[in-house]
Amino acid sequence: MIRATYTFIKQLLASIFICLSDLIVIGVCFILSFYIRSVLFVDVIAFFEPIQHSFKIYLDVWPVLALWVIIFAYEGLYPSIGISYWEEVFSIQKGNFIAFVILVILSFITRTSVNYSRPVILIAFFLSVFLLPVSRKIMRLLLRKTGLWSRDVVLIGSLDKVNQVLHNLKKHPDFGLKPIGAYIDNLSGELTGNLEVLGAINDIQKNRIRADEVIVAIPGATGAKLSELVEISTLIAPVVHVIPDLYGLASTGVTTHDLDGMLLLEMEDKLARFRNRALKRIFDFTMSAFALAVLSPVFLIIMIIIGISSQGPAIFGHKRVGKKGGTFICYKFRTMVSNAQEVLQELLENDPEAKRQWDLDFKLKDDPRITKIGGFLRKTSLDELPQLFNVLKGEMSLVGPRPIVEEEIERYGNKAKYFFKVTPGITGLWQVSGRNDIDYEERVMLDEYYAKNWSLWLDIEIIIRTFGAVLKKDGAY
């Protein structure tokens, strides 16, 4: 009873703080929108009387903000402990869009004042698209520091599966799930992170503790055993998560159905559908054409600097393997000396450590072939910009597995089929997950995950995360 009350108070406080943050951000979006409109339409009175108009706008806007609170609450965003930040952002954007659509309809029906005019609503919407995710990120950090962004979790399952869950939770502290103990089936090793072993699974009923949630991860369990485990787990916590023994299948976008008492999981090969392939291609073409138009001065400056700093063409093409095993010429800004192949051969023959590194990842940390400007281009990933032409031609995508050379195909083994299934990309999960700092086996797993779990939202998420990875220069060399 005490734990339930404590958990309720924590979640209530977290929900209140997040709700207030959302209300303030949406209100600020409308105020900023009103002033932007005032500047655009040269409304001098509104522009030079900020205090009076701010007060008026707040009085007009506050009742409407209930829309966002109701929709966000329906989406389970108060609080959103237990889901990733990007899942939260997706739900926020969906709910935010619905709220603005309803507001547009209401303003049309009621014919409200200028504060809800179409320009004001449209500008406020675009502002909220950026400001709401930023405020949510800040709130997650603040609530984690105060201890409000957490739920105690007990893990139940086999040693290897529980260790994998612990590893994943450690990688994503923003989930807010805090393991406090585990019941292990046939303990034959050690848990990572010094987590307390509470006993065997058979000990749950006689030696149980209370928690906020339970995660069950036991491979090979029969339906009857799993059903029993879930029922017993409710003695520990009211919320039970089950990790099904379905490794190799898609893990996102799975829909559940009830087939007369049977649990039915709906999964689809998204990129096998024409509409999804067409959507991805339209997105790639539009965004790459826009990027090329905007970045054309940058292209020119980089080409001039490369030409001045070393001999050779500014852009070079390299034969790479792409979708369905076909080959294409992948464009990059030249970052190496003109006789790069000869330099590499000499280095590999005379430096055993360099050869070991090359055989492992086809990369060298201290590569003598790279020019000074080339090092900068690689650190900032600017050397990849010419691949926008590959995207425009349809040979590459903005997001996907990195294109590989033919010698790397054998490194993929039987998972090469997932690589050949999608169009290679300028950026991808490898780039935003540590790039050259992760081993090749994990890179292959990331490519497999992308092929199985593609969505347009995943592409957008990776593109946004790429900017952060480039600024931090994670694994870039």
Protein backbone atom coordinates (compact mmCIF):
# COMPACT_ATOMS: atom_id res chain seq x y z
CA MET A 1 0.00 0.00 0.00
CA ILE A 2 2.84 2.37 0.92
CA ARG A 3 4.70 1.58 -2.34
CA ALA A 4 1.55 2.08 -4.41
CA THR A 5 0.94 5.46 -2.76
CA TYR A 6 4.58 6.49 -3.24
CA THR A 7 4.51 5.48 -6.91
CA PHE A 8 1.22 7.30 -7.46
CA ILE A 9 2.59 10.51 -5.93
CA LYS A 10 5.78 10.31 -8.04
CA GLN A 11 3.85 9.77 -11.26
CA LEU A 12 1.35 12.47 -10.36
CA LEU A 13 4.13 15.02 -9.73
CA ALA A 14 5.94 14.02 -12.94
CA SER A 15 2.66 14.33 -14.88
CA ILE A 16 1.92 17.76 -13.40
CA PHE A 17 5.38 19.13 -14.23
CA ILE A 18 5.24 17.76 -17.79
CA CYS A 19 1.70 19.03 -18.28
CA LEU A 20 2.67 22.53 -17.10
CA SER A 21 5.67 22.46 -19.43
CA ASP A 22 3.43 21.52 -22.38
CA LEU A 23 0.92 24.26 -21.52
CA ILE A 24 3.66 26.89 -21.27
CA VAL A 25 5.29 25.82 -24.55
CA ILE A 26 2.00 25.83 -26.52
CA GLY A 27 1.05 29.18 -25.01
CA VAL A 28 4.45 30.62 -25.93
CA CYS A 29 4.05 29.24 -29.48
CA PHE A 30 0.80 31.18 -29.91
CA ILE A 31 2.28 34.38 -28.46
CA LEU A 32 5.36 34.16 -30.71
CA SER A 33 3.11 33.31 -33.63
CA PHE A 34 0.94 36.37 -32.97
CA TYR A 35 4.00 38.63 -32.94
CA ILE A 36 5.49 37.05 -36.06
CA ARG A 37 2.19 37.67 -37.81
CA SER A 38 2.20 41.25 -36.48
CA VAL A 39 5.64 41.85 -38.00
CA LEU A 40 4.68 40.24 -41.32
CA PHE A 41 1.54 42.33 -41.60
CA VAL A 42 3.18 45.44 -40.08
CA ASP A 43 0.72 45.61 -37.19
CA VAL A 44 2.54 48.42 -35.37
CA ILE A 45 0.11 48.63 -32.42
CA ALA A 46 0.44 44.91 -31.63
CA PHE A 47 4.20 45.05 -32.09
CA PHE A 48 4.77 47.97 -29.70
CA GLU A 49 2.33 46.93 -26.96
CA PRO A 50 3.68 43.53 -25.95
CA ILE A 51 2.47 43.47 -22.32
CA GLN A 52 -1.14 44.31 -23.12
CA HIS A 53 -1.35 41.92 -26.04
CA SER A 54 0.50 39.10 -24.25
CA PHE A 55 -2.07 39.24 -21.44
CA LYS A 56 -4.93 39.23 -23.94
CA ILE A 57 -3.49 36.33 -25.91
CA TYR A 58 -2.98 34.27 -22.75
CA LEU A 59 -6.59 34.87 -21.73
CA ASP A 60 -7.74 33.75 -25.19
CA VAL A 61 -5.39 30.78 -25.54
CA TRP A 62 -5.50 29.11 -22.10
CA PRO A 63 -9.00 27.55 -22.48
CA VAL A 64 -7.97 26.10 -25.85
CA LEU A 65 -4.88 24.42 -24.37
CA ALA A 66 -7.14 21.80 -22.79
CA LEU A 67 -7.15 20.22 -26.26
CA TRP A 68 -3.45 19.34 -25.98
CA VAL A 69 -3.75 18.04 -22.42
CA ILE A 70 -6.66 15.74 -23.30
CA ILE A 71 -5.03 14.38 -26.48
CA PHE A 72 -1.58 13.93 -24.89
CA ALA A 73 -3.18 12.18 -21.91
CA TYR A 74 -5.01 9.84 -24.32
CA GLU A 75 -1.65 9.05 -25.96
CA GLY A 76 -0.26 8.05 -22.55
CA LEU A 77 2.16 10.97 -22.30
CA TYR A 78 1.44 11.89 -18.66
CA PRO A 79 3.93 10.61 -17.74
CA SER A 80 5.72 8.74 -20.54
CA ILE A 81 8.10 6.78 -18.31
CA GLY A 82 9.00 3.43 -19.85
CA ILE A 83 9.13 4.47 -23.51
CA SER A 84 12.01 5.87 -25.51
CA TYR A 85 12.35 9.58 -26.20
CA TRP A 86 11.73 9.04 -29.92
CA GLU A 87 8.55 7.06 -29.27
CA GLU A 88 7.44 9.95 -27.09
CA VAL A 89 8.27 12.49 -29.81
CA PHE A 90 6.27 10.48 -32.36
CA SER A 91 3.22 10.46 -30.07
CA ILE A 92 3.66 14.17 -29.33
CA GLN A 93 3.78 15.09 -33.02
CA LYS A 94 0.73 12.94 -33.77
CA GLY A 95 -1.25 14.43 -30.88
CA ASN A 96 -0.04 17.94 -31.66
CA PHE A 97 -1.17 17.65 -35.28
CA ILE A 98 -4.62 16.39 -34.23
CA ALA A 99 -5.00 19.24 -31.73
CA PHE A 100 -4.18 21.89 -34.36
CA VAL A 101 -6.55 20.30 -36.88
CA ILE A 102 -9.36 20.43 -34.28
CA LEU A 103 -8.44 24.05 -33.51
CA VAL A 104 -8.62 24.99 -37.20
CA ILE A 105 -12.06 23.36 -37.48
CA LEU A 106 -13.30 25.12 -34.32
CA SER A 107 -11.95 28.50 -35.44
CA PHE A 108 -13.69 28.04 -38.80
CA ILE A 109 -17.01 27.09 -37.18
CA THR A 110 -16.96 29.79 -34.49
CA ARG A 111 -15.25 32.45 -36.64
CA THR A 112 -12.98 33.54 -33.80
CA SER A 113 -10.77 36.64 -33.62
CA VAL A 114 -7.43 37.33 -35.29
CA ASN A 115 -5.63 35.48 -32.48
CA TYR A 116 -6.88 32.24 -34.06
CA SER A 117 -6.49 33.32 -37.67
CA ARG A 118 -5.01 30.81 -40.09
CA PRO A 119 -1.54 32.48 -40.22
CA VAL A 120 -1.35 32.53 -36.41
CA ILE A 121 -2.39 28.87 -36.11
CA LEU A 122 -0.04 27.76 -38.91
CA ILE A 123 2.99 29.57 -37.46
CA ALA A 124 2.18 28.30 -33.95
CA PHE A 125 2.03 24.75 -35.33
CA PHE A 126 5.47 24.95 -36.95
CA LEU A 127 6.94 26.45 -33.77
CA SER A 128 5.41 23.69 -31.63
CA VAL A 129 6.84 20.97 -33.89
CA PHE A 130 10.33 22.05 -32.75
CA LEU A 131 9.69 23.41 -29.25
CA LEU A 132 7.60 20.56 -27.80
CA PRO A 133 10.26 17.85 -28.35
CA VAL A 134 12.95 20.18 -26.95
CA SER A 135 10.90 20.91 -23.82
CA ARG A 136 10.17 17.19 -23.35
CA LYS A 137 13.89 16.39 -23.56
CA ILE A 138 14.66 19.04 -20.93
CA MET A 139 11.87 17.78 -18.66
CA ARG A 140 13.16 14.20 -18.90
CA LEU A 141 16.62 15.36 -17.78
CA LEU A 142 15.25 17.48 -14.93
CA LEU A 143 12.87 14.79 -13.68
CA ARG A 144 15.63 12.15 -13.81
CA LYS A 145 17.82 14.37 -11.61
CA THR A 146 15.00 14.81 -9.07
CA GLY A 147 14.26 11.06 -9.02
CA LEU A 148 10.72 11.47 -10.32
CA TRP A 149 11.49 9.89 -13.69
CA SER A 150 11.86 6.30 -12.54
CA ARG A 151 9.97 3.09 -11.95
CA ASP A 152 11.33 0.12 -10.01
CA VAL A 153 11.45 -3.00 -12.16
CA VAL A 154 11.92 -6.66 -11.28
CA LEU A 155 13.27 -8.94 -14.00
CA ILE A 156 12.22 -12.57 -14.40
CA GLY A 157 13.81 -15.00 -16.84
CA SER A 158 16.90 -16.85 -17.99
CA LEU A 159 20.34 -15.46 -17.16
CA ASP A 160 21.30 -14.50 -20.73
CA LYS A 161 17.96 -12.79 -21.46
CA VAL A 162 17.97 -10.88 -18.16
CA ASN A 163 21.55 -9.74 -18.84
CA GLN A 164 20.47 -8.55 -22.28
CA VAL A 165 17.56 -6.59 -20.77
CA LEU A 166 19.95 -5.04 -18.23
CA HIS A 167 22.34 -4.08 -21.03
CA ASN A 168 19.57 -2.42 -23.04
CA LEU A 169 18.16 -0.54 -20.03
CA LYS A 170 21.64 0.73 -19.17
CA LYS A 171 22.01 2.02 -22.74
CA HIS A 172 18.69 3.89 -22.43
CA PRO A 173 18.46 5.50 -18.97
CA ASP A 174 15.87 7.93 -20.37
CA PHE A 175 13.35 5.05 -20.29
CA GLY A 176 13.24 5.57 -16.52
CA LEU A 177 13.11 1.83 -15.73
CA LYS A 178 15.31 1.01 -12.71
CA PRO A 179 16.02 -2.72 -12.10
CA ILE A 180 15.98 -3.56 -8.38
CA GLY A 181 16.33 -7.35 -8.54
CA ALA A 182 15.85 -10.48 -10.61
CA TYR A 183 14.46 -13.99 -10.36
CA ILE A 184 16.64 -16.26 -12.50
CA ASP A 185 15.72 -19.60 -14.03
CA ASN A 186 18.66 -22.02 -13.53
CA LEU A 187 21.31 -19.53 -12.39
CA SER A 188 24.68 -20.57 -13.84
CA GLY A 189 26.64 -17.31 -13.93
CA GLU A 190 26.65 -13.71 -12.79
CA LEU A 191 24.26 -10.87 -13.49
CA THR A 192 25.75 -7.73 -15.01
CA GLY A 193 25.78 -4.57 -12.93
CA ASN A 194 25.76 -6.41 -9.56
CA LEU A 195 21.97 -6.65 -9.59
CA GLU A 196 20.62 -8.61 -6.64
CA VAL A 197 19.42 -12.14 -7.40
CA LEU A 198 16.15 -12.51 -5.47
CA GLY A 199 15.97 -16.24 -6.05
CA ALA A 200 14.79 -18.78 -8.60
CA ILE A 201 11.49 -18.38 -10.41
CA ASN A 202 9.92 -20.94 -8.07
CA ASP A 203 10.76 -18.64 -5.14
CA ILE A 204 8.58 -15.73 -6.34
CA GLN A 205 5.51 -16.59 -4.26
CA LYS A 206 7.38 -17.28 -1.01
CA ASN A 207 10.06 -14.58 -1.37
CA ARG A 208 8.57 -11.73 -3.34
CA ILE A 209 9.16 -8.00 -3.19
CA ARG A 210 7.03 -5.16 -4.48
CA ALA A 211 7.92 -3.15 -7.57
CA ASP A 212 6.25 -0.84 -10.08
CA GLU A 213 6.69 -3.13 -13.09
CA VAL A 214 7.91 -6.60 -14.05
CA ILE A 215 9.71 -7.69 -17.21
CA VAL A 216 9.46 -11.40 -18.07
CA ALA A 217 12.07 -12.72 -20.51
CA ILE A 218 12.28 -16.50 -20.58
CA PRO A 219 12.92 -18.23 -23.93
CA GLY A 220 11.31 -21.55 -24.74
CA ALA A 221 8.53 -21.19 -22.17
CA THR A 222 5.30 -22.95 -23.05
CA GLY A 223 2.09 -20.96 -23.25
CA ALA A 224 0.89 -22.47 -19.98
CA LYS A 225 4.14 -21.65 -18.16
CA LEU A 226 4.23 -18.12 -19.52
CA SER A 227 0.61 -17.56 -18.51
CA GLU A 228 1.43 -18.80 -15.00
CA LEU A 229 4.49 -16.54 -14.82
CA VAL A 230 2.46 -13.49 -15.81
CA GLU A 231 -0.16 -14.31 -13.18
CA ILE A 232 2.50 -14.74 -10.48
CA SER A 233 4.24 -11.52 -11.63
CA THR A 234 1.10 -9.51 -10.82
CA LEU A 235 1.84 -10.30 -7.14
CA ILE A 236 5.00 -8.19 -7.57
CA ALA A 237 3.66 -5.33 -9.69
CA PRO A 238 0.42 -4.32 -11.44
CA VAL A 239 2.20 -3.88 -14.80
CA VAL A 240 3.86 -6.88 -16.48
CA HIS A 241 5.88 -6.73 -19.71
CA VAL A 242 6.61 -9.93 -21.63
CA ILE A 243 9.52 -10.21 -24.07
CA PRO A 244 8.36 -12.99 -26.45
CA ASP A 245 10.78 -15.59 -27.73
CA LEU A 246 10.53 -14.28 -31.28
CA TYR A 247 14.10 -13.22 -32.08
CA GLY A 248 14.56 -12.41 -35.75
CA LEU A 249 11.13 -10.89 -36.31
CA ALA A 250 10.31 -7.19 -36.59
CA SER A 251 10.08 -5.51 -33.18
CA THR A 252 8.49 -2.16 -34.08
CA GLY A 253 5.10 -1.42 -35.57
CA VAL A 254 3.74 -4.77 -34.36
CA THR A 255 -0.05 -4.72 -33.95
CA THR A 256 -1.89 -7.01 -31.57
CA HIS A 257 -5.30 -8.54 -32.24
CA ASP A 258 -7.63 -10.82 -30.33
CA LEU A 259 -8.57 -13.93 -32.28
CA ASP A 260 -11.34 -15.28 -30.07
CA GLY A 261 -9.06 -15.50 -27.03
CA MET A 262 -5.85 -16.08 -28.99
CA LEU A 263 -3.14 -13.40 -29.15
CA LEU A 264 -2.47 -12.55 -32.77
CA LEU A 265 0.60 -10.50 -33.71
CA GLU A 266 0.45 -8.63 -36.99
CA MET A 267 3.81 -7.95 -38.66
CA GLU A 268 4.51 -6.81 -42.17
CA ASP A 269 7.50 -6.41 -44.46
CA LYS A 270 7.01 -2.69 -44.85
CA LEU A 271 9.44 -2.14 -47.71
CA ALA A 272 7.80 -4.98 -49.65
CA ARG A 273 4.75 -2.75 -50.08
CA PHE A 274 4.84 -0.45 -53.10
CA ARG A 275 3.29 2.50 -51.26
CA ASN A 276 6.05 2.46 -48.63
CA ARG A 277 8.82 2.20 -51.23
CA ALA A 278 7.22 5.07 -53.16
CA LEU A 279 6.91 7.16 -49.98
CA LYS A 280 10.57 6.61 -49.13
CA ARG A 281 11.65 7.49 -52.68
CA ILE A 282 9.54 10.69 -52.76
CA PHE A 283 10.99 11.70 -49.39
CA ASP A 284 14.56 11.01 -50.58
CA PHE A 285 14.17 12.84 -53.89
CA THR A 286 12.50 15.91 -52.37
CA MET A 287 14.93 16.28 -49.46
CA SER A 288 18.08 15.62 -51.52
CA ALA A 289 17.04 18.11 -54.24
CA PHE A 290 16.36 20.73 -51.56
CA ALA A 291 19.67 20.00 -49.80
CA LEU A 292 21.65 20.26 -53.04
CA ALA A 293 20.08 23.63 -53.83
CA VAL A 294 20.79 25.01 -50.34
CA LEU A 295 24.30 23.54 -50.02
CA SER A 296 25.60 24.42 -53.50
CA PRO A 297 27.80 27.27 -52.12
CA VAL A 298 29.30 24.82 -49.60
CA PHE A 299 30.07 22.37 -52.43
CA LEU A 300 31.89 25.10 -54.34
CA ILE A 301 33.99 26.22 -51.33
CA ILE A 302 35.01 22.64 -50.44
CA MET A 303 35.97 21.85 -54.04
CA ILE A 304 38.18 24.97 -54.23
CA ILE A 305 39.93 24.14 -50.93
CA ILE A 306 40.56 20.51 -51.97
CA GLY A 307 41.95 21.68 -55.32
CA ILE A 308 44.32 24.11 -53.62
CA SER A 309 45.51 21.72 -50.89
CA SER A 310 46.42 18.67 -53.01
CA GLN A 311 46.56 17.34 -56.54
CA GLY A 312 43.68 15.37 -57.99
CA PRO A 313 39.93 15.75 -58.58
CA ALA A 314 37.78 17.26 -55.82
CA ILE A 315 35.14 14.53 -56.16
CA PHE A 316 35.92 10.89 -56.77
CA GLY A 317 33.80 7.81 -57.33
CA HIS A 318 34.26 4.41 -55.73
CA LYS A 319 32.57 1.16 -56.74
CA ARG A 320 30.17 0.01 -54.01
CA VAL A 321 27.56 -2.72 -53.56
CA GLY A 322 23.95 -1.65 -53.13
CA LYS A 323 20.41 -2.96 -53.23
CA LYS A 324 19.92 -6.51 -54.60
CA GLY A 325 23.70 -6.88 -54.85
CA GLY A 326 24.04 -4.43 -57.72
CA THR A 327 27.04 -2.12 -57.95
CA PHE A 328 27.18 1.64 -58.45
CA ILE A 329 29.68 4.48 -58.26
CA CYS A 330 29.46 6.16 -54.86
CA TYR A 331 30.54 9.82 -54.86
CA LYS A 332 32.60 11.49 -52.13
CA PHE A 333 34.78 14.53 -51.71
CA ARG A 334 38.38 13.36 -52.03
CA THR A 335 39.97 13.13 -48.59
CA MET A 336 43.08 11.11 -49.52
CA VAL A 337 46.27 11.61 -51.46
CA SER A 338 46.15 10.77 -55.15
CA ASN A 339 48.26 7.57 -54.75
CA ALA A 340 46.19 6.28 -51.82
CA GLN A 341 46.16 2.63 -52.92
CA GLU A 342 49.95 2.41 -53.15
CA VAL A 343 50.34 4.05 -49.73
CA LEU A 344 47.85 1.57 -48.23
CA GLN A 345 49.60 -1.47 -49.68
CA GLU A 346 52.98 -0.33 -48.37
CA LEU A 347 51.53 0.36 -44.91
CA LEU A 348 49.80 -3.03 -44.65
CA GLU A 349 52.99 -4.84 -45.66
CA ASN A 350 55.13 -3.04 -43.07
CA ASP A 351 52.74 -2.41 -40.13
CA PRO A 352 51.14 -5.53 -38.53
CA GLU A 353 48.87 -3.44 -36.25
CA ALA A 354 47.55 -1.47 -39.22
CA LYS A 355 46.92 -4.73 -41.11
CA ARG A 356 45.03 -6.16 -38.09
CA GLN A 357 42.90 -3.01 -37.93
CA TRP A 358 42.22 -3.10 -41.68
CA ASP A 359 41.29 -6.80 -41.67
CA LEU A 360 38.92 -6.19 -38.75
CA ASP A 361 36.93 -3.18 -39.96
CA PHE A 362 38.34 -2.03 -43.34
CA LYS A 363 39.25 1.19 -41.49
CA LEU A 364 42.41 2.78 -40.08
CA LYS A 365 42.35 5.17 -37.13
CA ASP A 366 45.58 6.96 -38.07
CA ASP A 367 45.34 6.67 -41.83
CA PRO A 368 48.44 8.20 -43.53
CA ARG A 369 46.53 8.51 -46.81
CA ILE A 370 44.21 11.22 -45.46
CA THR A 371 45.06 14.85 -46.22
CA LYS A 372 44.69 17.66 -43.68
CA ILE A 373 41.51 19.01 -45.26
CA GLY A 374 40.41 15.38 -45.71
CA GLY A 375 40.67 14.79 -41.97
CA PHE A 376 38.41 17.76 -41.32
CA LEU A 377 35.89 16.63 -43.94
CA ARG A 378 35.75 13.15 -42.40
CA LYS A 379 35.41 14.42 -38.83
CA THR A 380 32.48 16.60 -39.87
CA SER A 381 31.09 14.03 -42.37
CA LEU A 382 31.14 16.73 -45.07
CA ASP A 383 32.96 14.28 -47.35
CA GLU A 384 29.64 12.40 -47.75
CA LEU A 385 27.74 15.36 -49.23
CA PRO A 386 28.27 14.41 -52.93
CA GLN A 387 26.25 11.26 -52.22
CA LEU A 388 23.19 13.50 -52.44
CA PHE A 389 23.64 13.06 -56.21
CA ASN A 390 23.49 9.28 -55.69
CA VAL A 391 20.23 9.78 -53.76
CA LEU A 392 18.83 11.94 -56.53
CA LYS A 393 19.66 9.19 -59.05
CA GLY A 394 18.02 6.54 -56.88
CA GLU A 395 21.24 4.60 -56.25
CA MET A 396 21.23 5.56 -52.58
CA SER A 397 18.79 6.75 -49.94
CA LEU A 398 19.16 9.45 -47.30
CA VAL A 399 18.93 6.71 -44.65
CA GLY A 400 19.96 3.08 -44.89
CA PRO A 401 22.91 0.73 -44.39
CA ARG A 402 26.23 2.21 -45.49
CA PRO A 403 27.26 1.01 -48.98
CA ILE A 404 30.00 -1.61 -48.82
CA VAL A 405 32.76 -2.90 -51.10
CA GLU A 406 32.51 -6.42 -52.52
CA GLU A 407 35.12 -7.78 -50.09
CA GLU A 408 32.80 -6.97 -47.17
CA ILE A 409 29.87 -9.11 -48.35
CA GLU A 410 31.29 -12.25 -46.76
CA ARG A 411 31.41 -10.42 -43.40
CA TYR A 412 27.59 -10.30 -43.49
CA GLY A 413 27.24 -14.07 -43.95
CA ASN A 414 23.60 -15.18 -44.19
CA LYS A 415 22.49 -11.71 -43.05
CA ALA A 416 23.60 -10.20 -46.37
CA LYS A 417 20.02 -10.74 -47.57
CA TYR A 418 18.89 -7.93 -45.25
CA PHE A 419 21.55 -5.59 -46.63
CA PHE A 420 20.53 -6.34 -50.23
CA LYS A 421 16.89 -5.77 -49.33
CA VAL A 422 17.22 -1.98 -48.82
CA THR A 423 18.88 0.89 -50.62
CA PRO A 424 22.16 1.97 -48.97
CA GLY A 425 22.09 5.35 -47.26
CA ILE A 426 24.19 8.43 -46.57
CA THR A 427 23.44 7.98 -42.89
CA GLY A 428 21.99 5.15 -40.86
CA LEU A 429 21.81 3.42 -37.50
CA TRP A 430 25.55 2.68 -37.66
CA GLN A 431 26.40 6.39 -37.84
CA VAL A 432 24.15 7.41 -34.93
CA SER A 433 25.14 4.44 -32.74
CA GLY A 434 28.88 5.08 -32.51
CA ARG A 435 30.04 4.65 -36.10
CA ASN A 436 33.61 3.30 -36.21
CA ASP A 437 33.63 2.74 -32.44
CA ILE A 438 31.32 -0.29 -32.76
CA ASP A 439 32.49 -3.62 -34.14
CA TYR A 440 31.48 -5.04 -37.50
CA GLU A 441 29.19 -7.69 -36.01
CA GLU A 442 27.08 -5.03 -34.31
CA ARG A 443 27.03 -3.00 -37.52
CA VAL A 444 25.55 -6.02 -39.33
CA MET A 445 22.92 -6.37 -36.59
CA LEU A 446 21.97 -2.69 -36.96
CA ASP A 447 21.55 -3.12 -40.72
CA GLU A 448 19.33 -6.16 -40.09
CA TYR A 449 17.24 -4.20 -37.58
CA TYR A 450 16.76 -1.33 -40.05
CA ALA A 451 15.66 -3.66 -42.86
CA LYS A 452 13.08 -5.36 -40.62
CA ASN A 453 11.78 -2.28 -38.83
CA TRP A 454 11.81 0.49 -41.46
CA SER A 455 9.35 3.34 -41.17
CA LEU A 456 9.40 6.91 -42.42
CA TRP A 457 9.48 8.06 -38.80
CA LEU A 458 12.61 5.91 -38.21
CA ASP A 459 14.27 7.67 -41.17
CA ILE A 460 13.35 11.09 -39.74
CA GLU A 461 14.62 10.07 -36.29
CA ILE A 462 17.97 8.90 -37.71
CA ILE A 463 18.39 12.11 -39.75
CA ILE A 464 17.79 14.22 -36.63
CA ARG A 465 20.15 12.06 -34.55
CA THR A 466 22.80 12.34 -37.28
CA PHE A 467 23.21 16.06 -36.63
CA GLY A 468 23.95 15.32 -32.98
CA ALA A 469 26.39 12.52 -33.87
CA VAL A 470 28.22 14.81 -36.33
CA LEU A 471 28.51 17.61 -33.76
CA LYS A 472 29.87 15.18 -31.16
CA LYS A 473 32.08 13.51 -33.83
CA ASP A 474 31.25 10.08 -32.39
CA GLY A 475 33.50 7.43 -33.94
CA ALA A 476 34.44 9.68 -36.90
CA TYR A 477 37.84 8.99 -38.49
